[in-house]
Amino acid sequence: MAVPHATTTPPDVREPATRPPRDGAGGSRRKVGVRAPWWFVVPAISIYLFVVVVPSARGAVFSFTDWNGLRPGWSFVGLDNYASVFSDRTARDALVNTLVLAAVAMVAQNVAGLLLALGVNSLVKSRYVLRVIFFAPVVLTPLVAGYVWSFLLSPNGAINEALRAVGLGGLAHDWLGDPDTALYAIVVEIVWQFAGYSMVIYLAGLQAIPAEVLEAATIDGAGPWSKFRSVVLPLLNGAVVINVMLCLIGGLKQFDQVMAMTGGGPGTATETISTAIYKSAFSLGDFPFSIALAVVMTVVIAVLAAVQFRLTQRKVS
């Protein structure tokens, strides 16, 4: 009886690999992905130009004129308004106060935000509730938060009453009425409200650190401080850069809390560039001077924003 011959496939014969489809007569490969048409961004760019760029450019032109904000006619005065910015005592005080407030708030807010992030990044059972509590002040309107703290820091406010209640009445003070403490009282309010914002950024950076790296540092005998200084902090460099620049730029633009808590007083102790712009334009009617102040502030903030972009591109990417 004949044994039927088994049909086998030669071992060197394989299924042909699936090849990507080809386009056109030349057989070029089809590009993966779809590029959105450029005209999709035209509406957004048009609105941005109309709302931001054109008014800003016109304002910069008026900073070189004597326009009073009402009459249609005006004439160029060159750099006179900018010379007044640096010769006016109020403007100089506002510039110094703005730099001091921005620098102190930047340091304090980043330290507080980092400490909060380290705390809520632990295995504490209530860490999720604490994150919500620490972030809650951020959602408040800055003007509302400023008014609340103006009541807390008043001579008969809750803070002074609490000091008297625990026998520390000698520390009770008119925090917002004293030129030596008013600016730093505003810094305390800013840190209280926005430390949670910095906490979230630092927390994201901490959670992105591989656990293996921390375990390796522990095995090598690194203590908590050595681990933080040599491992955690260098890996948080991107978060530090972003937080520092955001805090600094936010401090340079500070307006709401100052107007709500002190209005720029007492005297010019808490006057900032933003409050000086508002008062010059809408209280004194000196629009060219206020626009020149705004241009100076814009240039400073633009330089810092460019620095932030360059640092984040180099350190984060």
C-alpha atoms as a PDB file:
ATOM      1  CA  MET A   1       0.000   0.000   0.000  1.00  0.00           C
ATOM      2  CA  ALA A   2       1.459   3.303  -1.002  1.00  0.00           C
ATOM      3  CA  VAL A   3       1.977   5.913   1.667  1.00  0.00           C
ATOM      4  CA  PRO A   4       0.642   9.283   0.508  1.00  0.00           C
ATOM      5  CA  HIS A   5       3.314  11.920   0.196  1.00  0.00           C
ATOM      6  CA  ALA A   6       2.943  14.639   2.871  1.00  0.00           C
ATOM      7  CA  THR A   7       2.793  18.161   1.545  1.00  0.00           C
ATOM      8  CA  THR A   8       5.242  20.361   3.431  1.00  0.00           C
ATOM      9  CA  THR A   9       6.262  23.965   3.096  1.00  0.00           C
ATOM     10  CA  PRO A  10       9.952  24.539   2.555  1.00  0.00           C
ATOM     11  CA  PRO A  11      11.495  26.117   5.623  1.00  0.00           C
ATOM     12  CA  ASP A  12      12.884  29.062   3.681  1.00  0.00           C
ATOM     13  CA  VAL A  13       9.472  30.112   2.340  1.00  0.00           C
ATOM     14  CA  ARG A  14       7.821  32.756   4.517  1.00  0.00           C
ATOM     15  CA  GLU A  15       4.767  34.916   4.261  1.00  0.00           C
ATOM     16  CA  PRO A  16       5.596  38.156   2.475  1.00  0.00           C
ATOM     17  CA  ALA A  17       5.889  41.074   4.900  1.00  0.00           C
ATOM     18  CA  THR A  18       3.116  43.587   4.742  1.00  0.00           C
ATOM     19  CA  ARG A  19       4.465  46.703   3.101  1.00  0.00           C
ATOM     20  CA  PRO A  20       3.119  50.179   3.622  1.00  0.00           C
ATOM     21  CA  PRO A  21       0.989  51.491   0.788  1.00  0.00           C
ATOM     22  CA  ARG A  22       2.642  53.635  -1.787  1.00  0.00           C
ATOM     23  CA  ASP A  23       1.377  56.854  -3.313  1.00  0.00           C
ATOM     24  CA  GLY A  24       1.790  58.185  -6.801  1.00  0.00           C
ATOM     25  CA  ALA A  25       3.685  56.887  -9.773  1.00  0.00           C
ATOM     26  CA  GLY A  26       7.026  57.251  -8.027  1.00  0.00           C
ATOM     27  CA  GLY A  27       5.985  54.912  -5.234  1.00  0.00           C
ATOM     28  CA  SER A  28       6.924  57.266  -2.386  1.00  0.00           C
ATOM     29  CA  ARG A  29       5.867  56.195   1.087  1.00  0.00           C
ATOM     30  CA  ARG A  30       2.749  57.779   2.540  1.00  0.00           C
ATOM     31  CA  LYS A  31       3.550  60.085   5.442  1.00  0.00           C
ATOM     32  CA  VAL A  32       2.267  59.056   8.821  1.00  0.00           C
ATOM     33  CA  GLY A  33       0.086  61.638  10.558  1.00  0.00           C
ATOM     34  CA  VAL A  34      -1.945  64.542   9.301  1.00  0.00           C
ATOM     35  CA  ARG A  35      -0.764  68.113   9.275  1.00  0.00           C
ATOM     36  CA  ALA A  36      -3.507  70.583  10.120  1.00  0.00           C
ATOM     37  CA  PRO A  37      -4.036  73.330   7.528  1.00  0.00           C
ATOM     38  CA  TRP A  38      -2.334  76.584   8.485  1.00  0.00           C
ATOM     39  CA  TRP A  39      -5.544  78.543   8.138  1.00  0.00           C
ATOM     40  CA  PHE A  40      -6.931  76.793  11.229  1.00  0.00           C
ATOM     41  CA  VAL A  41      -4.924  79.228  13.358  1.00  0.00           C
ATOM     42  CA  VAL A  42      -5.960  82.341  11.424  1.00  0.00           C
ATOM     43  CA  PRO A  43      -9.029  83.127  13.632  1.00  0.00           C
ATOM     44  CA  ALA A  44      -7.016  82.824  16.864  1.00  0.00           C
ATOM     45  CA  ILE A  45      -4.135  84.890  15.476  1.00  0.00           C
ATOM     46  CA  SER A  46      -6.528  87.539  14.181  1.00  0.00           C
ATOM     47  CA  ILE A  47      -8.246  87.895  17.560  1.00  0.00           C
ATOM     48  CA  TYR A  48      -4.878  88.018  19.351  1.00  0.00           C
ATOM     49  CA  LEU A  49      -3.594  90.718  17.004  1.00  0.00           C
ATOM     50  CA  PHE A  50      -6.779  92.767  17.397  1.00  0.00           C
ATOM     51  CA  VAL A  51      -7.055  92.438  21.179  1.00  0.00           C
ATOM     52  CA  VAL A  52      -3.404  92.383  22.295  1.00  0.00           C
ATOM     53  CA  VAL A  53      -0.826  93.346  19.688  1.00  0.00           C
ATOM     54  CA  VAL A  54      -2.494  96.364  18.064  1.00  0.00           C
ATOM     55  CA  PRO A  55      -3.535  98.085  21.353  1.00  0.00           C
ATOM     56  CA  SER A  56      -0.089  97.400  22.829  1.00  0.00           C
ATOM     57  CA  ALA A  57       1.653  98.870  19.800  1.00  0.00           C
ATOM     58  CA  ARG A  58      -0.573 101.958  19.831  1.00  0.00           C
ATOM     59  CA  GLY A  59       0.040 102.379  23.537  1.00  0.00           C
ATOM     60  CA  ALA A  60       3.789 102.203  23.021  1.00  0.00           C
ATOM     61  CA  VAL A  61       3.485 104.969  20.411  1.00  0.00           C
ATOM     62  CA  PHE A  62       1.484 107.172  22.809  1.00  0.00           C
ATOM     63  CA  SER A  63       4.232 106.829  25.420  1.00  0.00           C
ATOM     64  CA  PHE A  64       6.310 109.141  23.204  1.00  0.00           C
ATOM     65  CA  THR A  65       3.577 111.814  23.014  1.00  0.00           C
ATOM     66  CA  ASP A  66       1.771 114.326  25.210  1.00  0.00           C
ATOM     67  CA  TRP A  67      -1.686 112.822  24.587  1.00  0.00           C
ATOM     68  CA  ASN A  68      -4.032 113.427  27.532  1.00  0.00           C
ATOM     69  CA  GLY A  69      -6.384 110.537  26.797  1.00  0.00           C
ATOM     70  CA  LEU A  70      -9.250 112.794  25.573  1.00  0.00           C
ATOM     71  CA  ARG A  71      -8.288 115.157  22.824  1.00  0.00           C
ATOM     72  CA  PRO A  72      -7.688 113.751  19.346  1.00  0.00           C
ATOM     73  CA  GLY A  73      -4.570 115.843  18.775  1.00  0.00           C
ATOM     74  CA  TRP A  74      -1.143 115.108  20.217  1.00  0.00           C
ATOM     75  CA  SER A  75       2.507 115.749  19.488  1.00  0.00           C
ATOM     76  CA  PHE A  76       5.693 113.763  19.974  1.00  0.00           C
ATOM     77  CA  VAL A  77       7.822 114.587  23.013  1.00  0.00           C
ATOM     78  CA  GLY A  78      10.535 111.993  22.501  1.00  0.00           C
ATOM     79  CA  LEU A  79      11.853 110.292  25.631  1.00  0.00           C
ATOM     80  CA  ASP A  80      10.515 112.882  28.081  1.00  0.00           C
ATOM     81  CA  ASN A  81       7.994 110.479  29.597  1.00  0.00           C
ATOM     82  CA  TYR A  82      10.642 107.816  30.101  1.00  0.00           C
ATOM     83  CA  ALA A  83      12.958 110.375  31.671  1.00  0.00           C
ATOM     84  CA  SER A  84      10.140 111.269  34.076  1.00  0.00           C
ATOM     85  CA  VAL A  85       9.726 107.618  35.009  1.00  0.00           C
ATOM     86  CA  PHE A  86      13.275 107.471  36.373  1.00  0.00           C
ATOM     87  CA  SER A  87      13.264 110.965  37.880  1.00  0.00           C
ATOM     88  CA  ASP A  88       9.866 110.820  39.616  1.00  0.00           C
ATOM     89  CA  ARG A  89      10.165 109.810  43.287  1.00  0.00           C
ATOM     90  CA  THR A  90       6.908 107.849  43.309  1.00  0.00           C
ATOM     91  CA  ALA A  91       7.923 105.906  40.219  1.00  0.00           C
ATOM     92  CA  ARG A  92      11.349 105.132  41.691  1.00  0.00           C
ATOM     93  CA  ASP A  93       9.790 103.963  44.968  1.00  0.00           C
ATOM     94  CA  ALA A  94       7.316 101.868  43.027  1.00  0.00           C
ATOM     95  CA  LEU A  95      10.137 100.258  41.036  1.00  0.00           C
ATOM     96  CA  VAL A  96      12.143  99.439  44.176  1.00  0.00           C
ATOM     97  CA  ASN A  97       9.082  98.126  46.022  1.00  0.00           C
ATOM     98  CA  THR A  98       8.132  95.966  43.057  1.00  0.00           C
ATOM     99  CA  LEU A  99      11.588  94.398  42.853  1.00  0.00           C
ATOM    100  CA  VAL A 100      11.744  93.788  46.620  1.00  0.00           C
ATOM    101  CA  LEU A 101       8.235  92.331  46.749  1.00  0.00           C
ATOM    102  CA  ALA A 102       8.880  90.083  43.745  1.00  0.00           C
ATOM    103  CA  ALA A 103      12.213  88.814  45.088  1.00  0.00           C
ATOM    104  CA  VAL A 104      11.048  88.153  48.658  1.00  0.00           C
ATOM    105  CA  ALA A 105       7.770  86.562  47.540  1.00  0.00           C
ATOM    106  CA  MET A 106       9.632  84.402  45.020  1.00  0.00           C
ATOM    107  CA  VAL A 107      11.975  82.960  47.662  1.00  0.00           C
ATOM    108  CA  ALA A 108       9.316  82.522  50.349  1.00  0.00           C
ATOM    109  CA  GLN A 109       6.719  81.015  48.015  1.00  0.00           C
ATOM    110  CA  ASN A 110       9.160  78.502  46.553  1.00  0.00           C
ATOM    111  CA  VAL A 111      10.438  77.410  49.957  1.00  0.00           C
ATOM    112  CA  ALA A 112       6.887  77.032  51.283  1.00  0.00           C
ATOM    113  CA  GLY A 113       5.710  75.249  48.134  1.00  0.00           C
ATOM    114  CA  LEU A 114       8.626  72.813  48.202  1.00  0.00           C
ATOM    115  CA  LEU A 115       8.121  71.994  51.881  1.00  0.00           C
ATOM    116  CA  LEU A 116       4.412  71.410  51.314  1.00  0.00           C
ATOM    117  CA  ALA A 117       5.150  69.190  48.306  1.00  0.00           C
ATOM    118  CA  LEU A 118       7.628  67.107  50.304  1.00  0.00           C
ATOM    119  CA  GLY A 119       5.043  66.731  53.063  1.00  0.00           C
ATOM    120  CA  VAL A 120       2.112  65.652  50.899  1.00  0.00           C
ATOM    121  CA  ASN A 121       4.341  63.378  48.793  1.00  0.00           C
ATOM    122  CA  SER A 122       4.880  61.129  51.810  1.00  0.00           C
ATOM    123  CA  LEU A 123       2.765  58.155  52.814  1.00  0.00           C
ATOM    124  CA  VAL A 124       0.643  60.133  55.266  1.00  0.00           C
ATOM    125  CA  LYS A 125      -2.923  58.813  55.099  1.00  0.00           C
ATOM    126  CA  SER A 126      -4.433  62.298  54.861  1.00  0.00           C
ATOM    127  CA  ARG A 127      -2.108  63.441  52.069  1.00  0.00           C
ATOM    128  CA  TYR A 128      -4.917  63.740  49.512  1.00  0.00           C
ATOM    129  CA  VAL A 129      -7.040  65.859  51.841  1.00  0.00           C
ATOM    130  CA  LEU A 130      -4.028  68.007  52.693  1.00  0.00           C
ATOM    131  CA  ARG A 131      -3.339  68.617  49.006  1.00  0.00           C
ATOM    132  CA  VAL A 132      -6.847  69.970  48.567  1.00  0.00           C
ATOM    133  CA  ILE A 133      -6.575  72.148  51.675  1.00  0.00           C
ATOM    134  CA  PHE A 134      -3.210  73.629  50.698  1.00  0.00           C
ATOM    135  CA  PHE A 135      -4.347  74.300  47.130  1.00  0.00           C
ATOM    136  CA  ALA A 136      -7.742  75.776  48.103  1.00  0.00           C
ATOM    137  CA  PRO A 137      -6.510  79.404  48.557  1.00  0.00           C
ATOM    138  CA  VAL A 138      -5.316  79.449  44.939  1.00  0.00           C
ATOM    139  CA  VAL A 139      -8.891  79.353  43.628  1.00  0.00           C
ATOM    140  CA  LEU A 140      -9.809  82.514  45.559  1.00  0.00           C
ATOM    141  CA  THR A 141      -9.913  85.800  43.705  1.00  0.00           C
ATOM    142  CA  PRO A 142      -6.759  87.749  44.702  1.00  0.00           C
ATOM    143  CA  LEU A 143      -8.869  90.820  45.449  1.00  0.00           C
ATOM    144  CA  VAL A 144     -11.086  88.854  47.860  1.00  0.00           C
ATOM    145  CA  ALA A 145      -8.066  87.288  49.547  1.00  0.00           C
ATOM    146  CA  GLY A 146      -6.495  90.729  49.913  1.00  0.00           C
ATOM    147  CA  TYR A 147      -9.578  92.158  51.623  1.00  0.00           C
ATOM    148  CA  VAL A 148      -9.760  89.161  53.970  1.00  0.00           C
ATOM    149  CA  TRP A 149      -6.146  89.621  55.017  1.00  0.00           C
ATOM    150  CA  SER A 150      -6.600  93.371  55.431  1.00  0.00           C
ATOM    151  CA  PHE A 151      -9.160  92.578  58.142  1.00  0.00           C
ATOM    152  CA  LEU A 152      -6.966  89.908  59.704  1.00  0.00           C
ATOM    153  CA  LEU A 153      -3.983  92.286  59.909  1.00  0.00           C
ATOM    154  CA  SER A 154      -5.889  95.360  61.127  1.00  0.00           C
ATOM    155  CA  PRO A 155      -5.013  96.736  64.612  1.00  0.00           C
ATOM    156  CA  ASN A 156      -8.025  94.943  66.122  1.00  0.00           C
ATOM    157  CA  GLY A 157      -7.971  92.057  63.671  1.00  0.00           C
ATOM    158  CA  ALA A 158      -7.852  88.345  64.374  1.00  0.00           C
ATOM    159  CA  ILE A 159      -4.053  88.098  64.312  1.00  0.00           C
ATOM    160  CA  ASN A 160      -3.497  90.833  66.904  1.00  0.00           C
ATOM    161  CA  GLU A 161      -6.356  89.516  69.033  1.00  0.00           C
ATOM    162  CA  ALA A 162      -4.837  86.035  68.932  1.00  0.00           C
ATOM    163  CA  LEU A 163      -1.481  87.441  70.059  1.00  0.00           C
ATOM    164  CA  ARG A 164      -3.135  89.229  72.965  1.00  0.00           C
ATOM    165  CA  ALA A 165      -5.099  86.113  73.887  1.00  0.00           C
ATOM    166  CA  VAL A 166      -1.922  84.042  74.344  1.00  0.00           C
ATOM    167  CA  GLY A 167      -0.102  86.749  76.300  1.00  0.00           C
ATOM    168  CA  LEU A 168       1.936  88.140  73.409  1.00  0.00           C
ATOM    169  CA  GLY A 169       0.159  91.473  73.217  1.00  0.00           C
ATOM    170  CA  GLY A 170       3.527  93.202  72.940  1.00  0.00           C
ATOM    171  CA  LEU A 171       3.845  91.755  69.451  1.00  0.00           C
ATOM    172  CA  ALA A 172       0.506  93.192  68.335  1.00  0.00           C
ATOM    173  CA  HIS A 173       1.128  95.714  65.610  1.00  0.00           C
ATOM    174  CA  ASP A 174      -0.510  97.808  62.920  1.00  0.00           C
ATOM    175  CA  TRP A 175       0.966  95.596  60.251  1.00  0.00           C
ATOM    176  CA  LEU A 176      -0.452  97.456  57.271  1.00  0.00           C
ATOM    177  CA  GLY A 177      -0.115 100.950  58.737  1.00  0.00           C
ATOM    178  CA  ASP A 178       3.602 100.733  59.460  1.00  0.00           C
ATOM    179  CA  PRO A 179       5.835 101.506  56.437  1.00  0.00           C
ATOM    180  CA  ASP A 180       8.420  99.041  57.751  1.00  0.00           C
ATOM    181  CA  THR A 181       6.056  96.055  57.822  1.00  0.00           C
ATOM    182  CA  ALA A 182       3.339  96.810  55.260  1.00  0.00           C
ATOM    183  CA  LEU A 183       5.208  95.453  52.236  1.00  0.00           C
ATOM    184  CA  TYR A 184       6.170  92.237  54.017  1.00  0.00           C
ATOM    185  CA  ALA A 185       2.610  91.770  55.273  1.00  0.00           C
ATOM    186  CA  ILE A 186       1.526  91.734  51.635  1.00  0.00           C
ATOM    187  CA  VAL A 187       4.232  89.153  50.925  1.00  0.00           C
ATOM    188  CA  VAL A 188       2.769  86.928  53.667  1.00  0.00           C
ATOM    189  CA  GLU A 189      -0.646  87.103  52.013  1.00  0.00           C
ATOM    190  CA  ILE A 190       0.804  86.290  48.582  1.00  0.00           C
ATOM    191  CA  VAL A 191       2.708  83.288  49.919  1.00  0.00           C
ATOM    192  CA  TRP A 192      -0.384  82.066  51.799  1.00  0.00           C
ATOM    193  CA  GLN A 193      -2.492  82.200  48.649  1.00  0.00           C
ATOM    194  CA  PHE A 194      -0.078  80.891  46.016  1.00  0.00           C
ATOM    195  CA  ALA A 195       2.189  78.453  47.883  1.00  0.00           C
ATOM    196  CA  GLY A 196      -0.275  75.737  46.902  1.00  0.00           C
ATOM    197  CA  TYR A 197       0.291  76.572  43.241  1.00  0.00           C
ATOM    198  CA  SER A 198       4.031  76.044  43.625  1.00  0.00           C
ATOM    199  CA  MET A 199       3.312  72.897  45.651  1.00  0.00           C
ATOM    200  CA  VAL A 200       1.481  71.310  42.711  1.00  0.00           C
ATOM    201  CA  ILE A 201       4.404  71.922  40.339  1.00  0.00           C
ATOM    202  CA  TYR A 202       6.940  70.554  42.821  1.00  0.00           C
ATOM    203  CA  LEU A 203       4.695  67.590  43.584  1.00  0.00           C
ATOM    204  CA  ALA A 204       4.570  66.696  39.894  1.00  0.00           C
ATOM    205  CA  GLY A 205       8.367  66.837  39.798  1.00  0.00           C
ATOM    206  CA  LEU A 206       8.710  64.666  42.898  1.00  0.00           C
ATOM    207  CA  GLN A 207       6.359  62.019  41.544  1.00  0.00           C
ATOM    208  CA  ALA A 208       8.345  61.888  38.305  1.00  0.00           C
ATOM    209  CA  ILE A 209      11.532  60.855  40.144  1.00  0.00           C
ATOM    210  CA  PRO A 210      12.090  57.088  39.665  1.00  0.00           C
ATOM    211  CA  ALA A 211      11.757  55.123  42.894  1.00  0.00           C
ATOM    212  CA  GLU A 212      14.800  53.051  41.899  1.00  0.00           C
ATOM    213  CA  VAL A 213      17.019  56.117  42.101  1.00  0.00           C
ATOM    214  CA  LEU A 214      15.901  56.888  45.654  1.00  0.00           C
ATOM    215  CA  GLU A 215      16.284  53.245  46.674  1.00  0.00           C
ATOM    216  CA  ALA A 216      19.807  53.167  45.248  1.00  0.00           C
ATOM    217  CA  ALA A 217      20.710  56.277  47.240  1.00  0.00           C
ATOM    218  CA  THR A 218      19.343  54.673  50.407  1.00  0.00           C
ATOM    219  CA  ILE A 219      21.330  51.487  49.789  1.00  0.00           C
ATOM    220  CA  ASP A 220      24.468  53.582  49.317  1.00  0.00           C
ATOM    221  CA  GLY A 221      23.930  54.974  52.813  1.00  0.00           C
ATOM    222  CA  ALA A 222      22.586  58.440  51.964  1.00  0.00           C
ATOM    223  CA  GLY A 223      20.607  60.060  54.765  1.00  0.00           C
ATOM    224  CA  PRO A 224      17.439  62.129  54.271  1.00  0.00           C
ATOM    225  CA  TRP A 225      19.312  65.409  53.860  1.00  0.00           C
ATOM    226  CA  SER A 226      22.020  63.950  51.611  1.00  0.00           C
ATOM    227  CA  LYS A 227      19.374  62.237  49.500  1.00  0.00           C
ATOM    228  CA  PHE A 228      17.439  65.479  49.114  1.00  0.00           C
ATOM    229  CA  ARG A 229      20.488  67.604  48.338  1.00  0.00           C
ATOM    230  CA  SER A 230      22.285  65.205  46.007  1.00  0.00           C
ATOM    231  CA  VAL A 231      19.420  63.316  44.347  1.00  0.00           C
ATOM    232  CA  VAL A 232      16.018  64.957  44.715  1.00  0.00           C
ATOM    233  CA  LEU A 233      16.946  68.616  44.249  1.00  0.00           C
ATOM    234  CA  PRO A 234      18.971  68.118  41.039  1.00  0.00           C
ATOM    235  CA  LEU A 235      16.117  66.093  39.536  1.00  0.00           C
ATOM    236  CA  LEU A 236      13.704  68.903  40.487  1.00  0.00           C
ATOM    237  CA  ASN A 237      15.735  71.448  38.543  1.00  0.00           C
ATOM    238  CA  GLY A 238      13.070  71.912  35.870  1.00  0.00           C
ATOM    239  CA  ALA A 239      10.321  72.480  38.441  1.00  0.00           C
ATOM    240  CA  VAL A 240      12.530  74.937  40.321  1.00  0.00           C
ATOM    241  CA  VAL A 241      13.234  76.974  37.182  1.00  0.00           C
ATOM    242  CA  ILE A 242       9.555  77.128  36.233  1.00  0.00           C
ATOM    243  CA  ASN A 243       8.399  78.053  39.741  1.00  0.00           C
ATOM    244  CA  VAL A 244      11.070  80.701  40.226  1.00  0.00           C
ATOM    245  CA  MET A 245      10.262  82.464  36.983  1.00  0.00           C
ATOM    246  CA  LEU A 246       6.484  82.252  37.435  1.00  0.00           C
ATOM    247  CA  CYS A 247       6.734  83.673  40.950  1.00  0.00           C
ATOM    248  CA  LEU A 248       9.084  86.436  39.851  1.00  0.00           C
ATOM    249  CA  ILE A 249       6.923  87.491  36.911  1.00  0.00           C
ATOM    250  CA  GLY A 250       3.777  87.332  39.056  1.00  0.00           C
ATOM    251  CA  GLY A 251       5.422  89.512  41.697  1.00  0.00           C
ATOM    252  CA  LEU A 252       6.449  92.105  39.136  1.00  0.00           C
ATOM    253  CA  LYS A 253       2.819  92.383  37.988  1.00  0.00           C
ATOM    254  CA  GLN A 254       1.414  92.569  41.526  1.00  0.00           C
ATOM    255  CA  PHE A 255      -1.673  94.782  41.737  1.00  0.00           C
ATOM    256  CA  ASP A 256      -4.777  93.189  43.278  1.00  0.00           C
ATOM    257  CA  GLN A 257      -3.468  92.391  46.746  1.00  0.00           C
ATOM    258  CA  VAL A 258      -1.717  95.747  47.076  1.00  0.00           C
ATOM    259  CA  MET A 259      -4.817  97.722  46.131  1.00  0.00           C
ATOM    260  CA  ALA A 260      -7.032  95.649  48.428  1.00  0.00           C
ATOM    261  CA  MET A 261      -4.738  95.725  51.464  1.00  0.00           C
ATOM    262  CA  THR A 262      -3.001  99.114  51.420  1.00  0.00           C
ATOM    263  CA  GLY A 263      -3.818 100.953  48.187  1.00  0.00           C
ATOM    264  CA  GLY A 264      -0.096 101.603  47.835  1.00  0.00           C
ATOM    265  CA  GLY A 265       0.268 103.232  51.255  1.00  0.00           C
ATOM    266  CA  PRO A 266       1.169 104.267  53.809  1.00  0.00           C
ATOM    267  CA  GLY A 267       2.756 106.960  51.691  1.00  0.00           C
ATOM    268  CA  THR A 268       4.560 105.081  48.942  1.00  0.00           C
ATOM    269  CA  ALA A 269       5.714 102.199  51.158  1.00  0.00           C
ATOM    270  CA  THR A 270       3.815  99.571  49.164  1.00  0.00           C
ATOM    271  CA  GLU A 271       3.443 101.356  45.831  1.00  0.00           C
ATOM    272  CA  THR A 272       4.182  99.019  42.916  1.00  0.00           C
ATOM    273  CA  ILE A 273       4.557  99.684  39.217  1.00  0.00           C
ATOM    274  CA  SER A 274       1.038  98.398  38.558  1.00  0.00           C
ATOM    275  CA  THR A 275      -0.572 100.608  41.195  1.00  0.00           C
ATOM    276  CA  ALA A 276       1.486 103.599  40.014  1.00  0.00           C
ATOM    277  CA  ILE A 277       0.242 103.004  36.461  1.00  0.00           C
ATOM    278  CA  TYR A 278      -3.366 102.881  37.651  1.00  0.00           C
ATOM    279  CA  LYS A 279      -3.095 106.038  39.751  1.00  0.00           C
ATOM    280  CA  SER A 280      -1.196 108.020  37.112  1.00  0.00           C
ATOM    281  CA  ALA A 281      -3.727 107.181  34.408  1.00  0.00           C
ATOM    282  CA  PHE A 282      -7.074 107.205  36.190  1.00  0.00           C
ATOM    283  CA  SER A 283      -6.474 109.457  39.205  1.00  0.00           C
ATOM    284  CA  LEU A 284      -4.037 112.035  37.805  1.00  0.00           C
ATOM    285  CA  GLY A 285      -4.937 111.739  34.113  1.00  0.00           C
ATOM    286  CA  ASP A 286      -1.270 111.530  33.072  1.00  0.00           C
ATOM    287  CA  PHE A 287      -1.733 108.876  30.420  1.00  0.00           C
ATOM    288  CA  PRO A 288       1.632 109.218  28.610  1.00  0.00           C
ATOM    289  CA  PHE A 289       3.529 108.816  31.884  1.00  0.00           C
ATOM    290  CA  SER A 290       1.470 105.766  32.881  1.00  0.00           C
ATOM    291  CA  ILE A 291       1.934 104.207  29.454  1.00  0.00           C
ATOM    292  CA  ALA A 292       5.702 104.727  29.714  1.00  0.00           C
ATOM    293  CA  LEU A 293       5.612 102.967  33.096  1.00  0.00           C
ATOM    294  CA  ALA A 294       3.654 100.111  31.522  1.00  0.00           C
ATOM    295  CA  VAL A 295       6.172  99.801  28.697  1.00  0.00           C
ATOM    296  CA  VAL A 296       9.046  99.632  31.198  1.00  0.00           C
ATOM    297  CA  MET A 297       7.245  96.894  33.142  1.00  0.00           C
ATOM    298  CA  THR A 298       6.463  95.029  29.914  1.00  0.00           C
ATOM    299  CA  VAL A 299      10.102  95.063  28.836  1.00  0.00           C
ATOM    300  CA  VAL A 300      11.261  93.750  32.214  1.00  0.00           C
ATOM    301  CA  ILE A 301       8.679  90.960  32.209  1.00  0.00           C
ATOM    302  CA  ALA A 302       9.438  90.071  28.579  1.00  0.00           C
ATOM    303  CA  VAL A 303      13.139  89.710  29.375  1.00  0.00           C
ATOM    304  CA  LEU A 304      12.370  87.448  32.332  1.00  0.00           C
ATOM    305  CA  ALA A 305       9.934  85.401  30.233  1.00  0.00           C
ATOM    306  CA  ALA A 306      12.632  84.916  27.590  1.00  0.00           C
ATOM    307  CA  VAL A 307      15.074  83.800  30.286  1.00  0.00           C
ATOM    308  CA  GLN A 308      12.477  81.350  31.587  1.00  0.00           C
ATOM    309  CA  PHE A 309      11.947  79.909  28.102  1.00  0.00           C
ATOM    310  CA  ARG A 310      15.661  79.457  27.484  1.00  0.00           C
ATOM    311  CA  LEU A 311      16.288  77.868  30.881  1.00  0.00           C
ATOM    312  CA  THR A 312      13.350  75.498  30.630  1.00  0.00           C
ATOM    313  CA  GLN A 313      14.324  74.498  27.094  1.00  0.00           C
ATOM    314  CA  ARG A 314      17.834  73.654  28.226  1.00  0.00           C
ATOM    315  CA  LYS A 315      17.085  72.101  31.604  1.00  0.00           C
ATOM    316  CA  VAL A 316      13.720  70.419  31.164  1.00  0.00           C
ATOM    317  CA  SER A 317      13.928  69.033  27.641  1.00  0.00           C
END
